Amino acid sequence: MPQAKKRARSYDPAKTRAAVLAQFGNVRAAVEGLTPEQLALPTRLGEWTVRDLVAHIGMAVTAVQRALDQPEPAKADAVLLDWPFGTSGNSAAIANFTRTLADGHPDLDAYLADADGSLRDLLAAHPGTRLLATSAGAMSLDDYLVTRTVELVVHTDDLNAAVAGAEAPFDRQALAACTRLLADALAVKAPGGSTEVRVPPYAVVQCVEGPRHTRGTPPNVVETDPLTWIRLATGRLEWTEALADAKVSASGERADLGALLPLMS
């Protein structure tokens, strides 16, 4: 696991909470009324159907309650930027739990409504400083909620790709938080200052070892839009494909990020 930098970007806790609730609401609205045929459609996530994916999105939200149900850790031993690198080892368990949830909740609308209500109650009852045991270690509720924006935005994009005509919109604040966390994760994985990665309008980071740029036009620049960046960072899109389709521009000898991606899978 890469060593997270000591000083991470700060996130407004109130905006993060609102973003999580808003993006989950967008998913609920898109899922409501999906037909059995649509729920049985395949997704880009291996053997998962749309039903499995929706169950997983609910699981990403109810994870807050599961964490709060555990004893509070004595102290924080993880930071927010540890989280993107601490998820891959749990993929098998997550897949099994997802299928169990999908089988056990035939009424997905009711399942998501219950998850939404429970989350609102929990956020009203617990301060953001409350520590949670997570896959990356013990971190605050406020930080963990930032990770929920990543789960929700990434899987909203998966849902939109699977069900044409029922696309869920992206809450601006949720999309911003997701983009920034994954951009900062790149800077942790490849520390340095030779390459500037731009994801307007949400993030700009310096990364990759080499001569540090200080003024003027950077010699190595990568630029793309938020959804393309998120797809690259999570393995939904290959670097070479994004270049070929002009979804990303890269100039300079240190602007090839192919070997560094994905950050999460």
C-alpha atoms as a PDB file:
ATOM      1  CA  MET A   1       0.000   0.000   0.000  1.00  0.00           C
ATOM      2  CA  PRO A   2       1.449   3.427  -0.901  1.00  0.00           C
ATOM      3  CA  GLN A   3       2.246   5.687   2.023  1.00  0.00           C
ATOM      4  CA  ALA A   4      -0.388   8.419   2.148  1.00  0.00           C
ATOM      5  CA  LYS A   5       0.920  11.933   2.411  1.00  0.00           C
ATOM      6  CA  LYS A   6       0.640  13.560   5.805  1.00  0.00           C
ATOM      7  CA  ARG A   7      -1.469  16.551   4.806  1.00  0.00           C
ATOM      8  CA  ALA A   8      -4.582  15.644   2.855  1.00  0.00           C
ATOM      9  CA  ARG A   9      -7.070  17.894   1.130  1.00  0.00           C
ATOM     10  CA  SER A  10      -9.875  19.025   3.435  1.00  0.00           C
ATOM     11  CA  TYR A  11     -13.545  18.405   2.708  1.00  0.00           C
ATOM     12  CA  ASP A  12     -16.477  20.354   4.103  1.00  0.00           C
ATOM     13  CA  PRO A  13     -18.351  17.822   6.290  1.00  0.00           C
ATOM     14  CA  ALA A  14     -21.766  19.393   5.732  1.00  0.00           C
ATOM     15  CA  LYS A  15     -21.292  19.427   1.958  1.00  0.00           C
ATOM     16  CA  THR A  16     -20.056  15.828   1.993  1.00  0.00           C
ATOM     17  CA  ARG A  17     -23.100  14.628   3.934  1.00  0.00           C
ATOM     18  CA  ALA A  18     -25.415  16.480   1.579  1.00  0.00           C
ATOM     19  CA  ALA A  19     -23.559  15.046  -1.421  1.00  0.00           C
ATOM     20  CA  VAL A  20     -23.877  11.452  -0.209  1.00  0.00           C
ATOM     21  CA  LEU A  21     -27.587  11.845   0.401  1.00  0.00           C
ATOM     22  CA  ALA A  22     -28.131  13.625  -2.914  1.00  0.00           C
ATOM     23  CA  GLN A  23     -26.265  11.045  -4.993  1.00  0.00           C
ATOM     24  CA  PHE A  24     -28.004   8.170  -3.257  1.00  0.00           C
ATOM     25  CA  GLY A  25     -31.297   9.928  -3.965  1.00  0.00           C
ATOM     26  CA  ASN A  26     -30.346  10.145  -7.636  1.00  0.00           C
ATOM     27  CA  VAL A  27     -29.737   6.394  -7.681  1.00  0.00           C
ATOM     28  CA  ARG A  28     -33.048   5.677  -5.967  1.00  0.00           C
ATOM     29  CA  ALA A  29     -34.921   7.763  -8.531  1.00  0.00           C
ATOM     30  CA  ALA A  30     -33.207   5.975 -11.423  1.00  0.00           C
ATOM     31  CA  VAL A  31     -33.808   2.513  -9.986  1.00  0.00           C
ATOM     32  CA  GLU A  32     -37.452   3.125  -9.140  1.00  0.00           C
ATOM     33  CA  GLY A  33     -39.624   1.379 -11.647  1.00  0.00           C
ATOM     34  CA  LEU A  34     -36.896  -0.582 -13.430  1.00  0.00           C
ATOM     35  CA  THR A  35     -38.454  -3.642 -15.004  1.00  0.00           C
ATOM     36  CA  PRO A  36     -37.426  -7.210 -14.169  1.00  0.00           C
ATOM     37  CA  GLU A  37     -35.845  -7.364 -17.612  1.00  0.00           C
ATOM     38  CA  GLN A  38     -33.756  -4.266 -16.910  1.00  0.00           C
ATOM     39  CA  LEU A  39     -32.704  -5.573 -13.502  1.00  0.00           C
ATOM     40  CA  ALA A  40     -31.522  -8.765 -15.181  1.00  0.00           C
ATOM     41  CA  LEU A  41     -29.289  -6.901 -17.657  1.00  0.00           C
ATOM     42  CA  PRO A  42     -25.534  -7.506 -17.484  1.00  0.00           C
ATOM     43  CA  THR A  43     -23.131  -4.854 -16.236  1.00  0.00           C
ATOM     44  CA  ARG A  44     -19.463  -4.179 -16.904  1.00  0.00           C
ATOM     45  CA  LEU A  45     -18.677  -5.715 -13.497  1.00  0.00           C
ATOM     46  CA  GLY A  46     -18.084  -9.317 -14.447  1.00  0.00           C
ATOM     47  CA  GLU A  47     -21.036 -11.557 -13.628  1.00  0.00           C
ATOM     48  CA  TRP A  48     -23.038  -8.883 -11.793  1.00  0.00           C
ATOM     49  CA  THR A  49     -26.461  -8.032 -13.117  1.00  0.00           C
ATOM     50  CA  VAL A  50     -28.105  -4.661 -12.628  1.00  0.00           C
ATOM     51  CA  ARG A  51     -29.915  -6.161  -9.615  1.00  0.00           C
ATOM     52  CA  ASP A  52     -26.568  -7.117  -8.077  1.00  0.00           C
ATOM     53  CA  LEU A  53     -25.178  -3.672  -8.785  1.00  0.00           C
ATOM     54  CA  VAL A  54     -28.128  -1.914  -7.155  1.00  0.00           C
ATOM     55  CA  ALA A  55     -27.801  -4.145  -4.104  1.00  0.00           C
ATOM     56  CA  HIS A  56     -24.132  -3.220  -3.919  1.00  0.00           C
ATOM     57  CA  ILE A  57     -24.910   0.503  -4.107  1.00  0.00           C
ATOM     58  CA  GLY A  58     -27.234   0.057  -1.140  1.00  0.00           C
ATOM     59  CA  MET A  59     -24.494  -1.902   0.620  1.00  0.00           C
ATOM     60  CA  ALA A  60     -22.078   0.999   0.159  1.00  0.00           C
ATOM     61  CA  VAL A  61     -24.500   3.192   2.112  1.00  0.00           C
ATOM     62  CA  THR A  62     -25.450   0.673   4.797  1.00  0.00           C
ATOM     63  CA  ALA A  63     -21.712   0.167   5.389  1.00  0.00           C
ATOM     64  CA  VAL A  64     -21.929   3.310   7.523  1.00  0.00           C
ATOM     65  CA  GLN A  65     -24.366   1.603   9.891  1.00  0.00           C
ATOM     66  CA  ARG A  66     -22.327  -1.600   9.986  1.00  0.00           C
ATOM     67  CA  ALA A  67     -19.265   0.398  10.949  1.00  0.00           C
ATOM     68  CA  LEU A  68     -21.137   2.365  13.601  1.00  0.00           C
ATOM     69  CA  ASP A  69     -22.474  -0.867  15.081  1.00  0.00           C
ATOM     70  CA  GLN A  70     -18.905  -1.931  15.875  1.00  0.00           C
ATOM     71  CA  PRO A  71     -17.035  -0.733  18.975  1.00  0.00           C
ATOM     72  CA  GLU A  72     -15.349   2.606  18.392  1.00  0.00           C
ATOM     73  CA  PRO A  73     -11.587   2.230  17.832  1.00  0.00           C
ATOM     74  CA  ALA A  74      -9.368   3.731  20.507  1.00  0.00           C
ATOM     75  CA  LYS A  75      -7.595   5.986  18.019  1.00  0.00           C
ATOM     76  CA  ALA A  76      -7.371   6.758  14.330  1.00  0.00           C
ATOM     77  CA  ASP A  77      -4.660   4.784  12.544  1.00  0.00           C
ATOM     78  CA  ALA A  78      -5.597   5.613   8.950  1.00  0.00           C
ATOM     79  CA  VAL A  79      -6.107   8.735   6.877  1.00  0.00           C
ATOM     80  CA  LEU A  80      -8.547   9.305   4.063  1.00  0.00           C
ATOM     81  CA  LEU A  81      -5.953   8.710   1.356  1.00  0.00           C
ATOM     82  CA  ASP A  82      -5.268   5.216   2.690  1.00  0.00           C
ATOM     83  CA  TRP A  83      -8.744   4.114   1.657  1.00  0.00           C
ATOM     84  CA  PRO A  84      -8.356   3.868  -2.160  1.00  0.00           C
ATOM     85  CA  PHE A  85      -5.502   1.401  -1.657  1.00  0.00           C
ATOM     86  CA  GLY A  86      -7.233  -0.700   0.992  1.00  0.00           C
ATOM     87  CA  THR A  87     -10.233  -2.019  -0.913  1.00  0.00           C
ATOM     88  CA  SER A  88      -8.948  -4.556  -3.435  1.00  0.00           C
ATOM     89  CA  GLY A  89      -8.180  -7.271  -0.879  1.00  0.00           C
ATOM     90  CA  ASN A  90     -11.852  -7.464   0.089  1.00  0.00           C
ATOM     91  CA  SER A  91     -13.256  -7.973  -3.421  1.00  0.00           C
ATOM     92  CA  ALA A  92     -14.271 -11.632  -2.975  1.00  0.00           C
ATOM     93  CA  ALA A  93     -16.067 -10.993   0.306  1.00  0.00           C
ATOM     94  CA  ILE A  94     -17.773  -7.933  -1.155  1.00  0.00           C
ATOM     95  CA  ALA A  95     -18.984  -9.925  -4.170  1.00  0.00           C
ATOM     96  CA  ASN A  96     -20.423 -12.679  -1.958  1.00  0.00           C
ATOM     97  CA  PHE A  97     -22.142 -10.198   0.340  1.00  0.00           C
ATOM     98  CA  THR A  98     -23.567  -8.351  -2.663  1.00  0.00           C
ATOM     99  CA  ARG A  99     -25.168 -11.487  -4.093  1.00  0.00           C
ATOM    100  CA  THR A 100     -26.616 -12.367  -0.690  1.00  0.00           C
ATOM    101  CA  LEU A 101     -28.160  -8.912  -0.456  1.00  0.00           C
ATOM    102  CA  ALA A 102     -29.562  -9.091  -3.967  1.00  0.00           C
ATOM    103  CA  ASP A 103     -31.161 -12.473  -3.259  1.00  0.00           C
ATOM    104  CA  GLY A 104     -32.524 -11.338   0.089  1.00  0.00           C
ATOM    105  CA  HIS A 105     -34.120  -8.082  -1.088  1.00  0.00           C
ATOM    106  CA  PRO A 106     -36.482  -8.755  -3.993  1.00  0.00           C
ATOM    107  CA  ASP A 107     -38.032  -5.294  -3.502  1.00  0.00           C
ATOM    108  CA  LEU A 108     -35.058  -3.077  -4.283  1.00  0.00           C
ATOM    109  CA  ASP A 109     -37.058   0.138  -3.973  1.00  0.00           C
ATOM    110  CA  ALA A 110     -37.945  -0.721  -0.374  1.00  0.00           C
ATOM    111  CA  TYR A 111     -34.360  -1.784   0.341  1.00  0.00           C
ATOM    112  CA  LEU A 112     -32.956   1.527  -0.880  1.00  0.00           C
ATOM    113  CA  ALA A 113     -35.651   3.512   0.941  1.00  0.00           C
ATOM    114  CA  ASP A 114     -34.762   1.767   4.201  1.00  0.00           C
ATOM    115  CA  ALA A 115     -31.065   2.433   3.602  1.00  0.00           C
ATOM    116  CA  ASP A 116     -31.755   6.109   2.944  1.00  0.00           C
ATOM    117  CA  GLY A 117     -33.834   6.523   6.087  1.00  0.00           C
ATOM    118  CA  SER A 118     -31.297   4.713   8.257  1.00  0.00           C
ATOM    119  CA  LEU A 119     -28.440   6.805   6.905  1.00  0.00           C
ATOM    120  CA  ARG A 120     -30.254  10.055   7.631  1.00  0.00           C
ATOM    121  CA  ASP A 121     -30.956   8.932  11.188  1.00  0.00           C
ATOM    122  CA  LEU A 122     -27.325   7.921  11.719  1.00  0.00           C
ATOM    123  CA  LEU A 123     -25.947  11.175  10.381  1.00  0.00           C
ATOM    124  CA  ALA A 124     -28.237  13.098  12.702  1.00  0.00           C
ATOM    125  CA  ALA A 125     -27.181  11.006  15.704  1.00  0.00           C
ATOM    126  CA  HIS A 126     -23.387  10.818  15.312  1.00  0.00           C
ATOM    127  CA  PRO A 127     -20.720  13.523  15.153  1.00  0.00           C
ATOM    128  CA  GLY A 128     -18.263  13.521  12.295  1.00  0.00           C
ATOM    129  CA  THR A 129     -15.409  12.873  14.702  1.00  0.00           C
ATOM    130  CA  ARG A 130     -16.764   9.442  15.630  1.00  0.00           C
ATOM    131  CA  LEU A 131     -14.128   6.852  14.679  1.00  0.00           C
ATOM    132  CA  LEU A 132     -15.001   3.870  12.507  1.00  0.00           C
ATOM    133  CA  ALA A 133     -13.136   0.649  11.778  1.00  0.00           C
ATOM    134  CA  THR A 134     -12.860   0.448   7.968  1.00  0.00           C
ATOM    135  CA  SER A 135     -11.044  -1.710   5.432  1.00  0.00           C
ATOM    136  CA  ALA A 136      -8.243   0.868   5.450  1.00  0.00           C
ATOM    137  CA  GLY A 137      -8.066   1.263   9.223  1.00  0.00           C
ATOM    138  CA  ALA A 138      -9.694   3.470  11.819  1.00  0.00           C
ATOM    139  CA  MET A 139     -10.824   6.835  10.472  1.00  0.00           C
ATOM    140  CA  SER A 140     -13.435   9.456  11.286  1.00  0.00           C
ATOM    141  CA  LEU A 141     -17.017   9.322  10.088  1.00  0.00           C
ATOM    142  CA  ASP A 142     -16.426  12.559   8.182  1.00  0.00           C
ATOM    143  CA  ASP A 143     -13.569  10.982   6.244  1.00  0.00           C
ATOM    144  CA  TYR A 144     -15.457   7.752   5.645  1.00  0.00           C
ATOM    145  CA  LEU A 145     -18.341   9.677   4.116  1.00  0.00           C
ATOM    146  CA  VAL A 146     -15.949  11.087   1.519  1.00  0.00           C
ATOM    147  CA  THR A 147     -15.222   7.498   0.478  1.00  0.00           C
ATOM    148  CA  ARG A 148     -18.966   6.954   0.062  1.00  0.00           C
ATOM    149  CA  THR A 149     -19.020   9.630  -2.638  1.00  0.00           C
ATOM    150  CA  VAL A 150     -16.509   7.514  -4.566  1.00  0.00           C
ATOM    151  CA  GLU A 151     -18.618   4.373  -4.195  1.00  0.00           C
ATOM    152  CA  LEU A 152     -21.792   6.174  -5.206  1.00  0.00           C
ATOM    153  CA  VAL A 153     -20.377   8.084  -8.169  1.00  0.00           C
ATOM    154  CA  VAL A 154     -18.438   5.129  -9.575  1.00  0.00           C
ATOM    155  CA  HIS A 155     -21.390   2.775  -9.320  1.00  0.00           C
ATOM    156  CA  THR A 156     -23.854   5.357 -10.609  1.00  0.00           C
ATOM    157  CA  ASP A 157     -21.686   5.452 -13.712  1.00  0.00           C
ATOM    158  CA  ASP A 158     -21.788   1.630 -13.857  1.00  0.00           C
ATOM    159  CA  LEU A 159     -25.575   1.743 -13.595  1.00  0.00           C
ATOM    160  CA  ASN A 160     -25.875   4.353 -16.325  1.00  0.00           C
ATOM    161  CA  ALA A 161     -23.692   2.259 -18.613  1.00  0.00           C
ATOM    162  CA  ALA A 162     -25.888  -0.808 -18.066  1.00  0.00           C
ATOM    163  CA  VAL A 163     -29.383   0.690 -18.365  1.00  0.00           C
ATOM    164  CA  ALA A 164     -29.801   3.005 -21.332  1.00  0.00           C
ATOM    165  CA  GLY A 165     -32.530   5.588 -20.934  1.00  0.00           C
ATOM    166  CA  ALA A 166     -32.629   5.428 -17.126  1.00  0.00           C
ATOM    167  CA  GLU A 167     -29.472   7.392 -16.370  1.00  0.00           C
ATOM    168  CA  ALA A 168     -29.023   8.861 -12.910  1.00  0.00           C
ATOM    169  CA  PRO A 169     -27.522  12.368 -12.772  1.00  0.00           C
ATOM    170  CA  PHE A 170     -24.384  13.167 -10.790  1.00  0.00           C
ATOM    171  CA  ASP A 171     -24.562  15.498  -7.832  1.00  0.00           C
ATOM    172  CA  ARG A 172     -21.902  18.148  -8.432  1.00  0.00           C
ATOM    173  CA  GLN A 173     -20.443  17.978  -4.933  1.00  0.00           C
ATOM    174  CA  ALA A 174     -20.321  14.167  -4.963  1.00  0.00           C
ATOM    175  CA  LEU A 175     -18.599  14.187  -8.358  1.00  0.00           C
ATOM    176  CA  ALA A 176     -16.114  16.780  -7.121  1.00  0.00           C
ATOM    177  CA  ALA A 177     -15.220  14.848  -3.967  1.00  0.00           C
ATOM    178  CA  CYS A 178     -14.820  11.591  -5.886  1.00  0.00           C
ATOM    179  CA  THR A 179     -12.613  13.236  -8.518  1.00  0.00           C
ATOM    180  CA  ARG A 180     -10.411  14.942  -5.942  1.00  0.00           C
ATOM    181  CA  LEU A 181      -9.881  11.893  -3.773  1.00  0.00           C
ATOM    182  CA  LEU A 182      -8.837   9.768  -6.754  1.00  0.00           C
ATOM    183  CA  ALA A 183      -6.581  12.520  -8.110  1.00  0.00           C
ATOM    184  CA  ASP A 184      -4.895  12.855  -4.733  1.00  0.00           C
ATOM    185  CA  ALA A 185      -4.498   9.072  -4.614  1.00  0.00           C
ATOM    186  CA  LEU A 186      -2.478   9.277  -7.838  1.00  0.00           C
ATOM    187  CA  ALA A 187      -0.183  11.833  -6.209  1.00  0.00           C
ATOM    188  CA  VAL A 188       0.307   9.400  -3.313  1.00  0.00           C
ATOM    189  CA  LYS A 189       1.020   6.457  -5.596  1.00  0.00           C
ATOM    190  CA  ALA A 190       3.449   8.423  -7.778  1.00  0.00           C
ATOM    191  CA  PRO A 191       4.861  11.243  -5.638  1.00  0.00           C
ATOM    192  CA  GLY A 192       6.760  13.971  -7.409  1.00  0.00           C
ATOM    193  CA  GLY A 193       6.315  17.225  -9.235  1.00  0.00           C
ATOM    194  CA  SER A 194       7.260  16.611 -12.856  1.00  0.00           C
ATOM    195  CA  THR A 195       3.764  15.981 -14.211  1.00  0.00           C
ATOM    196  CA  GLU A 196       0.626  18.040 -13.780  1.00  0.00           C
ATOM    197  CA  VAL A 197      -2.681  16.173 -13.959  1.00  0.00           C
ATOM    198  CA  ARG A 198      -5.682  18.400 -14.574  1.00  0.00           C
ATOM    199  CA  VAL A 199      -9.288  17.306 -14.151  1.00  0.00           C
ATOM    200  CA  PRO A 200     -11.244  20.531 -14.573  1.00  0.00           C
ATOM    201  CA  PRO A 201     -13.120  21.949 -12.878  1.00  0.00           C
ATOM    202  CA  TYR A 202     -12.370  19.902  -9.755  1.00  0.00           C
ATOM    203  CA  ALA A 203      -8.736  18.903  -9.387  1.00  0.00           C
ATOM    204  CA  VAL A 204      -5.135  19.623 -10.297  1.00  0.00           C
ATOM    205  CA  VAL A 205      -2.309  17.530  -8.810  1.00  0.00           C
ATOM    206  CA  GLN A 206       1.442  17.237  -9.254  1.00  0.00           C
ATOM    207  CA  CYS A 207       2.895  13.746  -9.460  1.00  0.00           C
ATOM    208  CA  VAL A 208       5.668  11.519 -10.894  1.00  0.00           C
ATOM    209  CA  GLU A 209       9.328  11.780  -9.961  1.00  0.00           C
ATOM    210  CA  GLY A 210      11.510  14.113 -12.004  1.00  0.00           C
ATOM    211  CA  PRO A 211      12.329  17.803 -12.337  1.00  0.00           C
ATOM    212  CA  ARG A 212       9.774  19.858 -10.438  1.00  0.00           C
ATOM    213  CA  HIS A 213       7.873  22.444 -12.437  1.00  0.00           C
ATOM    214  CA  THR A 214       7.810  25.899 -10.817  1.00  0.00           C
ATOM    215  CA  ARG A 215       6.597  28.435 -13.387  1.00  0.00           C
ATOM    216  CA  GLY A 216       5.212  28.791 -16.881  1.00  0.00           C
ATOM    217  CA  THR A 217       3.698  25.953 -18.866  1.00  0.00           C
ATOM    218  CA  PRO A 218       4.454  22.545 -17.303  1.00  0.00           C
ATOM    219  CA  PRO A 219       6.522  20.274 -19.593  1.00  0.00           C
ATOM    220  CA  ASN A 220       4.368  17.243 -18.758  1.00  0.00           C
ATOM    221  CA  VAL A 221       0.598  17.698 -18.679  1.00  0.00           C
ATOM    222  CA  VAL A 222      -2.315  15.274 -18.557  1.00  0.00           C
ATOM    223  CA  GLU A 223      -5.857  16.617 -18.850  1.00  0.00           C
ATOM    224  CA  THR A 224      -9.241  14.930 -18.937  1.00  0.00           C
ATOM    225  CA  ASP A 225     -12.820  15.310 -17.737  1.00  0.00           C
ATOM    226  CA  PRO A 226     -14.051  14.020 -14.352  1.00  0.00           C
ATOM    227  CA  LEU A 227     -15.898  10.905 -15.545  1.00  0.00           C
ATOM    228  CA  THR A 228     -13.055   9.823 -17.806  1.00  0.00           C
ATOM    229  CA  TRP A 229     -10.630  10.279 -14.925  1.00  0.00           C
ATOM    230  CA  ILE A 230     -12.836   8.262 -12.581  1.00  0.00           C
ATOM    231  CA  ARG A 231     -13.125   5.465 -15.154  1.00  0.00           C
ATOM    232  CA  LEU A 232      -9.351   5.414 -15.628  1.00  0.00           C
ATOM    233  CA  ALA A 233      -8.685   5.444 -11.890  1.00  0.00           C
ATOM    234  CA  THR A 234     -11.074   2.552 -11.230  1.00  0.00           C
ATOM    235  CA  GLY A 235     -10.216   0.352 -14.204  1.00  0.00           C
ATOM    236  CA  ARG A 236     -13.384   0.995 -16.205  1.00  0.00           C
ATOM    237  CA  LEU A 237     -11.338   2.494 -19.040  1.00  0.00           C
ATOM    238  CA  GLU A 238      -7.857   1.647 -20.314  1.00  0.00           C
ATOM    239  CA  TRP A 239      -5.288   4.416 -20.676  1.00  0.00           C
ATOM    240  CA  THR A 240      -4.515   3.493 -24.296  1.00  0.00           C
ATOM    241  CA  GLU A 241      -8.195   3.471 -25.190  1.00  0.00           C
ATOM    242  CA  ALA A 242      -8.744   6.885 -23.616  1.00  0.00           C
ATOM    243  CA  LEU A 243      -5.820   8.302 -25.596  1.00  0.00           C
ATOM    244  CA  ALA A 244      -7.005   6.736 -28.848  1.00  0.00           C
ATOM    245  CA  ASP A 245     -10.511   8.143 -28.379  1.00  0.00           C
ATOM    246  CA  ALA A 246      -9.149  11.592 -27.446  1.00  0.00           C
ATOM    247  CA  LYS A 247     -10.807  11.386 -24.047  1.00  0.00           C
ATOM    248  CA  VAL A 248      -7.511  12.363 -22.440  1.00  0.00           C
ATOM    249  CA  SER A 249      -4.658  14.565 -23.645  1.00  0.00           C
ATOM    250  CA  ALA A 250      -1.082  13.841 -22.547  1.00  0.00           C
ATOM    251  CA  SER A 251       2.012  15.821 -23.507  1.00  0.00           C
ATOM    252  CA  GLY A 252       5.596  15.362 -22.356  1.00  0.00           C
ATOM    253  CA  GLU A 253       7.880  12.388 -21.760  1.00  0.00           C
ATOM    254  CA  ARG A 254       6.538  11.840 -18.237  1.00  0.00           C
ATOM    255  CA  ALA A 255       2.849  12.177 -19.150  1.00  0.00           C
ATOM    256  CA  ASP A 256       2.200   8.463 -19.722  1.00  0.00           C
ATOM    257  CA  LEU A 257       0.148   7.300 -16.719  1.00  0.00           C
ATOM    258  CA  GLY A 258      -0.673   3.879 -18.130  1.00  0.00           C
ATOM    259  CA  ALA A 259       1.602   1.999 -15.739  1.00  0.00           C
ATOM    260  CA  LEU A 260       0.080   3.789 -12.716  1.00  0.00           C
ATOM    261  CA  LEU A 261      -3.552   3.016 -13.505  1.00  0.00           C
ATOM    262  CA  PRO A 262      -5.941   1.848 -12.272  1.00  0.00           C
ATOM    263  CA  LEU A 263      -5.627   3.103  -8.706  1.00  0.00           C
ATOM    264  CA  MET A 264      -8.606   1.021  -7.578  1.00  0.00           C
ATOM    265  CA  SER A 265     -10.089  -2.097  -9.145  1.00  0.00           C
END
